[in-house]
C-alpha atoms as a PDB file:
ATOM      1  CA  MET A   1    -201.385   5.188 -47.645  1.00  0.00           C
ATOM      2  CA  SER A   2    -200.947   8.820 -48.206  1.00  0.00           C
ATOM      3  CA  ASP A   3    -202.001  12.284 -47.340  1.00  0.00           C
ATOM      4  CA  TYR A   4    -201.946  14.133 -50.503  1.00  0.00           C
ATOM      5  CA  PHE A   5    -204.772  12.463 -51.985  1.00  0.00           C
ATOM      6  CA  LYS A   6    -206.622  11.114 -48.882  1.00  0.00           C
ATOM      7  CA  ASN A   7    -209.795  13.120 -49.507  1.00  0.00           C
ATOM      8  CA  ILE A   8    -210.217  11.584 -53.463  1.00  0.00           C
ATOM      9  CA  ASN A   9    -211.957   8.606 -53.687  1.00  0.00           C
ATOM     10  CA  GLU A  10    -211.076   6.086 -56.431  1.00  0.00           C
ATOM     11  CA  ILE A  11    -211.976   7.817 -59.945  1.00  0.00           C
ATOM     12  CA  ASN A  12    -214.964   5.698 -61.619  1.00  0.00           C
ATOM     13  CA  TYR A  13    -216.969   6.238 -64.869  1.00  0.00           C
ATOM     14  CA  GLU A  14    -219.948   7.790 -64.534  1.00  0.00           C
ATOM     15  CA  GLY A  15    -220.936   8.800 -68.031  1.00  0.00           C
ATOM     16  CA  PRO A  16    -221.196  11.981 -69.712  1.00  0.00           C
ATOM     17  CA  ASP A  17    -224.223  13.259 -68.009  1.00  0.00           C
ATOM     18  CA  SER A  18    -222.111  13.180 -64.700  1.00  0.00           C
ATOM     19  CA  GLU A  19    -221.844  16.211 -62.902  1.00  0.00           C
ATOM     20  CA  ASN A  20    -218.892  14.848 -60.662  1.00  0.00           C
ATOM     21  CA  PRO A  21    -215.627  16.568 -61.717  1.00  0.00           C
ATOM     22  CA  LEU A  22    -213.631  13.361 -60.933  1.00  0.00           C
ATOM     23  CA  SER A  23    -215.007  10.600 -62.672  1.00  0.00           C
ATOM     24  CA  PHE A  24    -214.713   9.401 -66.076  1.00  0.00           C
ATOM     25  CA  LYS A  25    -217.383  10.508 -68.728  1.00  0.00           C
ATOM     26  CA  TYR A  26    -216.349   8.751 -71.541  1.00  0.00           C
ATOM     27  CA  TYR A  27    -213.920   6.204 -70.755  1.00  0.00           C
ATOM     28  CA  ASP A  28    -215.553   3.066 -69.320  1.00  0.00           C
ATOM     29  CA  GLU A  29    -212.924   0.605 -68.908  1.00  0.00           C
ATOM     30  CA  ASN A  30    -215.115  -2.416 -68.831  1.00  0.00           C
ATOM     31  CA  LYS A  31    -216.969  -1.237 -72.120  1.00  0.00           C
ATOM     32  CA  GLN A  32    -216.682  -4.488 -74.826  1.00  0.00           C
ATOM     33  CA  VAL A  33    -215.072  -2.971 -78.256  1.00  0.00           C
ATOM     34  CA  LEU A  34    -214.574  -5.752 -80.527  1.00  0.00           C
ATOM     35  CA  GLY A  35    -214.468  -8.596 -78.155  1.00  0.00           C
ATOM     36  CA  LYS A  36    -212.118  -6.796 -75.860  1.00  0.00           C
ATOM     37  CA  THR A  37    -212.570  -4.150 -72.875  1.00  0.00           C
ATOM     38  CA  MET A  38    -211.510  -0.578 -73.170  1.00  0.00           C
ATOM     39  CA  LYS A  39    -209.051  -1.275 -70.504  1.00  0.00           C
ATOM     40  CA  GLU A  40    -207.563  -4.152 -72.859  1.00  0.00           C
ATOM     41  CA  HIS A  41    -207.467  -1.761 -75.810  1.00  0.00           C
ATOM     42  CA  LEU A  42    -205.907   1.316 -74.209  1.00  0.00           C
ATOM     43  CA  ARG A  43    -202.696   0.755 -72.456  1.00  0.00           C
ATOM     44  CA  PHE A  44    -202.856   3.952 -70.303  1.00  0.00           C
ATOM     45  CA  ALA A  45    -199.598   4.993 -68.254  1.00  0.00           C
ATOM     46  CA  THR A  46    -199.051   7.835 -65.891  1.00  0.00           C
ATOM     47  CA  CYS A  47    -195.841   9.528 -66.778  1.00  0.00           C
ATOM     48  CA  TYR A  48    -193.918   9.942 -63.235  1.00  0.00           C
ATOM     49  CA  TRP A  49    -191.916  13.221 -64.470  1.00  0.00           C
ATOM     50  CA  HIS A  50    -195.066  15.140 -66.052  1.00  0.00           C
ATOM     51  CA  THR A  51    -197.611  14.036 -62.909  1.00  0.00           C
ATOM     52  CA  PHE A  52    -194.960  14.136 -60.003  1.00  0.00           C
ATOM     53  CA  THR A  53    -191.810  15.332 -60.502  1.00  0.00           C
ATOM     54  CA  TRP A  54    -192.012  18.403 -62.875  1.00  0.00           C
ATOM     55  CA  PRO A  55    -192.073  21.664 -60.631  1.00  0.00           C
ATOM     56  CA  GLY A  56    -194.089  23.610 -63.118  1.00  0.00           C
ATOM     57  CA  LEU A  57    -191.832  25.696 -64.540  1.00  0.00           C
ATOM     58  CA  ASP A  58    -192.638  28.479 -66.794  1.00  0.00           C
ATOM     59  CA  PRO A  59    -190.194  30.094 -69.285  1.00  0.00           C
ATOM     60  CA  PHE A  60    -190.472  33.685 -67.604  1.00  0.00           C
ATOM     61  CA  GLY A  61    -190.644  32.038 -63.875  1.00  0.00           C
ATOM     62  CA  GLY A  62    -189.678  29.654 -61.511  1.00  0.00           C
ATOM     63  CA  ALA A  63    -191.494  26.580 -60.351  1.00  0.00           C
ATOM     64  CA  THR A  64    -195.082  26.910 -59.721  1.00  0.00           C
ATOM     65  CA  PHE A  65    -196.044  23.857 -58.055  1.00  0.00           C
ATOM     66  CA  GLU A  66    -195.603  23.528 -54.031  1.00  0.00           C
ATOM     67  CA  ARG A  67    -196.267  19.978 -53.378  1.00  0.00           C
ATOM     68  CA  PRO A  68    -194.926  18.164 -50.142  1.00  0.00           C
ATOM     69  CA  TRP A  69    -192.601  16.163 -51.841  1.00  0.00           C
ATOM     70  CA  MET A  70    -191.110  18.647 -53.528  1.00  0.00           C
ATOM     71  CA  SER A  71    -189.463  20.802 -50.261  1.00  0.00           C
ATOM     72  CA  ASP A  72    -185.999  21.319 -49.206  1.00  0.00           C
ATOM     73  CA  SER A  73    -185.915  18.489 -47.136  1.00  0.00           C
ATOM     74  CA  ASP A  74    -184.085  15.440 -46.923  1.00  0.00           C
ATOM     75  CA  PRO A  75    -184.099  14.829 -50.932  1.00  0.00           C
ATOM     76  CA  LEU A  76    -184.555  10.683 -50.469  1.00  0.00           C
ATOM     77  CA  LYS A  77    -186.894  11.253 -47.788  1.00  0.00           C
ATOM     78  CA  MET A  78    -188.801  13.096 -50.391  1.00  0.00           C
ATOM     79  CA  ALA A  79    -188.357  10.603 -53.104  1.00  0.00           C
ATOM     80  CA  GLU A  80    -190.387   8.029 -50.544  1.00  0.00           C
ATOM     81  CA  MET A  81    -193.017  10.509 -50.055  1.00  0.00           C
ATOM     82  CA  LYS A  82    -193.459  11.057 -53.806  1.00  0.00           C
ATOM     83  CA  LEU A  83    -193.580   7.391 -54.480  1.00  0.00           C
ATOM     84  CA  ASP A  84    -196.338   6.731 -51.737  1.00  0.00           C
ATOM     85  CA  GLU A  85    -198.283   9.729 -53.399  1.00  0.00           C
ATOM     86  CA  ALA A  86    -197.836   8.024 -56.886  1.00  0.00           C
ATOM     87  CA  PHE A  87    -198.909   4.833 -55.910  1.00  0.00           C
ATOM     88  CA  ASP A  88    -202.332   6.438 -54.239  1.00  0.00           C
ATOM     89  CA  PHE A  89    -202.554   8.357 -57.288  1.00  0.00           C
ATOM     90  CA  PHE A  90    -202.432   5.439 -59.601  1.00  0.00           C
ATOM     91  CA  ASN A  91    -204.649   3.331 -57.754  1.00  0.00           C
ATOM     92  CA  LYS A  92    -207.125   5.849 -57.616  1.00  0.00           C
ATOM     93  CA  ILE A  93    -207.107   6.530 -61.263  1.00  0.00           C
ATOM     94  CA  LYS A  94    -206.771   2.903 -61.866  1.00  0.00           C
ATOM     95  CA  THR A  95    -203.853   3.432 -64.261  1.00  0.00           C
ATOM     96  CA  PRO A  96    -202.532  -0.030 -64.993  1.00  0.00           C
ATOM     97  CA  PHE A  97    -199.283   0.982 -66.128  1.00  0.00           C
ATOM     98  CA  PHE A  98    -196.500   4.105 -64.871  1.00  0.00           C
ATOM     99  CA  CYS A  99    -193.163   4.947 -66.580  1.00  0.00           C
ATOM    100  CA  PHE A 100    -190.427   7.160 -65.474  1.00  0.00           C
ATOM    101  CA  HIS A 101    -186.571   8.306 -65.976  1.00  0.00           C
ATOM    102  CA  ASP A 102    -184.066   7.464 -63.263  1.00  0.00           C
ATOM    103  CA  ARG A 103    -183.815  10.837 -61.913  1.00  0.00           C
ATOM    104  CA  ASP A 104    -187.423  11.286 -61.682  1.00  0.00           C
ATOM    105  CA  ILE A 105    -187.873   8.614 -59.145  1.00  0.00           C
ATOM    106  CA  ALA A 106    -184.678   8.948 -57.097  1.00  0.00           C
ATOM    107  CA  PRO A 107    -182.453  12.170 -56.455  1.00  0.00           C
ATOM    108  CA  GLU A 108    -178.714  12.516 -57.435  1.00  0.00           C
ATOM    109  CA  GLY A 109    -176.253  11.961 -54.648  1.00  0.00           C
ATOM    110  CA  SER A 110    -172.820  13.669 -53.863  1.00  0.00           C
ATOM    111  CA  ASN A 111    -171.018  11.021 -56.208  1.00  0.00           C
ATOM    112  CA  TYR A 112    -171.993   8.190 -58.609  1.00  0.00           C
ATOM    113  CA  LYS A 113    -172.093   5.379 -55.777  1.00  0.00           C
ATOM    114  CA  GLU A 114    -174.413   7.531 -53.600  1.00  0.00           C
ATOM    115  CA  THR A 115    -176.653   8.332 -56.470  1.00  0.00           C
ATOM    116  CA  GLN A 116    -176.699   4.534 -57.408  1.00  0.00           C
ATOM    117  CA  LYS A 117    -177.592   3.775 -53.735  1.00  0.00           C
ATOM    118  CA  ASN A 118    -180.625   6.138 -53.930  1.00  0.00           C
ATOM    119  CA  PHE A 119    -181.750   4.737 -57.125  1.00  0.00           C
ATOM    120  CA  LEU A 120    -181.571   1.356 -55.861  1.00  0.00           C
ATOM    121  CA  HIS A 121    -183.494   2.006 -52.796  1.00  0.00           C
ATOM    122  CA  ILE A 122    -186.489   3.526 -54.584  1.00  0.00           C
ATOM    123  CA  VAL A 123    -186.609   0.826 -57.005  1.00  0.00           C
ATOM    124  CA  ASP A 124    -186.927  -1.682 -54.243  1.00  0.00           C
ATOM    125  CA  LEU A 125    -189.610   0.269 -52.577  1.00  0.00           C
ATOM    126  CA  MET A 126    -191.362   0.604 -55.946  1.00  0.00           C
ATOM    127  CA  GLU A 127    -191.177  -3.263 -56.495  1.00  0.00           C
ATOM    128  CA  SER A 128    -192.650  -3.833 -53.143  1.00  0.00           C
ATOM    129  CA  LYS A 129    -195.715  -1.160 -54.288  1.00  0.00           C
ATOM    130  CA  MET A 130    -196.050  -2.796 -57.587  1.00  0.00           C
ATOM    131  CA  SER A 131    -196.159  -6.272 -56.085  1.00  0.00           C
ATOM    132  CA  SER A 132    -198.931  -4.912 -53.753  1.00  0.00           C
ATOM    133  CA  SER A 133    -200.987  -3.156 -56.423  1.00  0.00           C
ATOM    134  CA  LYS A 134    -202.355  -3.969 -59.963  1.00  0.00           C
ATOM    135  CA  VAL A 135    -199.966  -1.284 -61.314  1.00  0.00           C
ATOM    136  CA  LYS A 136    -197.226  -2.230 -63.778  1.00  0.00           C
ATOM    137  CA  LEU A 137    -194.115  -0.562 -65.126  1.00  0.00           C
ATOM    138  CA  LEU A 138    -194.399   0.217 -68.837  1.00  0.00           C
ATOM    139  CA  TRP A 139    -191.013   1.530 -69.202  1.00  0.00           C
ATOM    140  CA  GLY A 140    -187.926   3.018 -67.149  1.00  0.00           C
ATOM    141  CA  THR A 141    -185.208   4.983 -68.733  1.00  0.00           C
ATOM    142  CA  ALA A 142    -182.217   7.237 -67.948  1.00  0.00           C
ATOM    143  CA  ASN A 143    -182.487  10.786 -68.253  1.00  0.00           C
ATOM    144  CA  ALA A 144    -180.085  11.853 -70.309  1.00  0.00           C
ATOM    145  CA  PHE A 145    -180.640  15.159 -70.862  1.00  0.00           C
ATOM    146  CA  SER A 146    -181.236  17.506 -67.935  1.00  0.00           C
ATOM    147  CA  HIS A 147    -177.868  17.413 -66.268  1.00  0.00           C
ATOM    148  CA  LYS A 148    -175.084  19.678 -67.736  1.00  0.00           C
ATOM    149  CA  ARG A 149    -172.935  16.433 -67.746  1.00  0.00           C
ATOM    150  CA  TYR A 150    -174.944  15.683 -70.954  1.00  0.00           C
ATOM    151  CA  MET A 151    -174.425  18.768 -72.853  1.00  0.00           C
ATOM    152  CA  SER A 152    -173.316  17.992 -76.409  1.00  0.00           C
ATOM    153  CA  GLY A 153    -174.471  14.168 -76.043  1.00  0.00           C
ATOM    154  CA  ALA A 154    -172.087  13.775 -73.413  1.00  0.00           C
ATOM    155  CA  SER A 155    -170.084  10.400 -73.712  1.00  0.00           C
ATOM    156  CA  THR A 156    -172.019   9.704 -77.059  1.00  0.00           C
ATOM    157  CA  ASN A 157    -170.364  12.430 -78.939  1.00  0.00           C
ATOM    158  CA  PRO A 158    -166.902  11.788 -80.267  1.00  0.00           C
ATOM    159  CA  ASP A 159    -166.182  15.566 -80.253  1.00  0.00           C
ATOM    160  CA  PRO A 160    -168.203  17.621 -77.557  1.00  0.00           C
END
């Protein structure tokens, strides 16, 4: 499916004594607690921004993460690659849900029409990946804070 996580197997519960750094030590999704599995009690979700989009900025420097989908190449192709890697990750850690902001998954275009086209293209690919996996969308929302157009609340402020 992808290259970035190709050498990592599915992450499984191995217990607190496991020396495998890529294993669950305490979370056993199948353990019954009060008549439900832990997986039913705990609705974990992977946040697209924090896991795949955030460039590792620090207050005293620039981006610190160098991931293949963060290159200066075609932004839409990079979004497609990021989506492939994200779903590979979701499946390997068996996260049942994910969440995102619109700009996390698809790049801005040169105008609104192109921006929407990019977004809808990635949404179509995402829906296909969701239908072929057990991963579901917990929530998706608009990023109304990163771009300077949202300064002072953008259209939500009567007197910006």
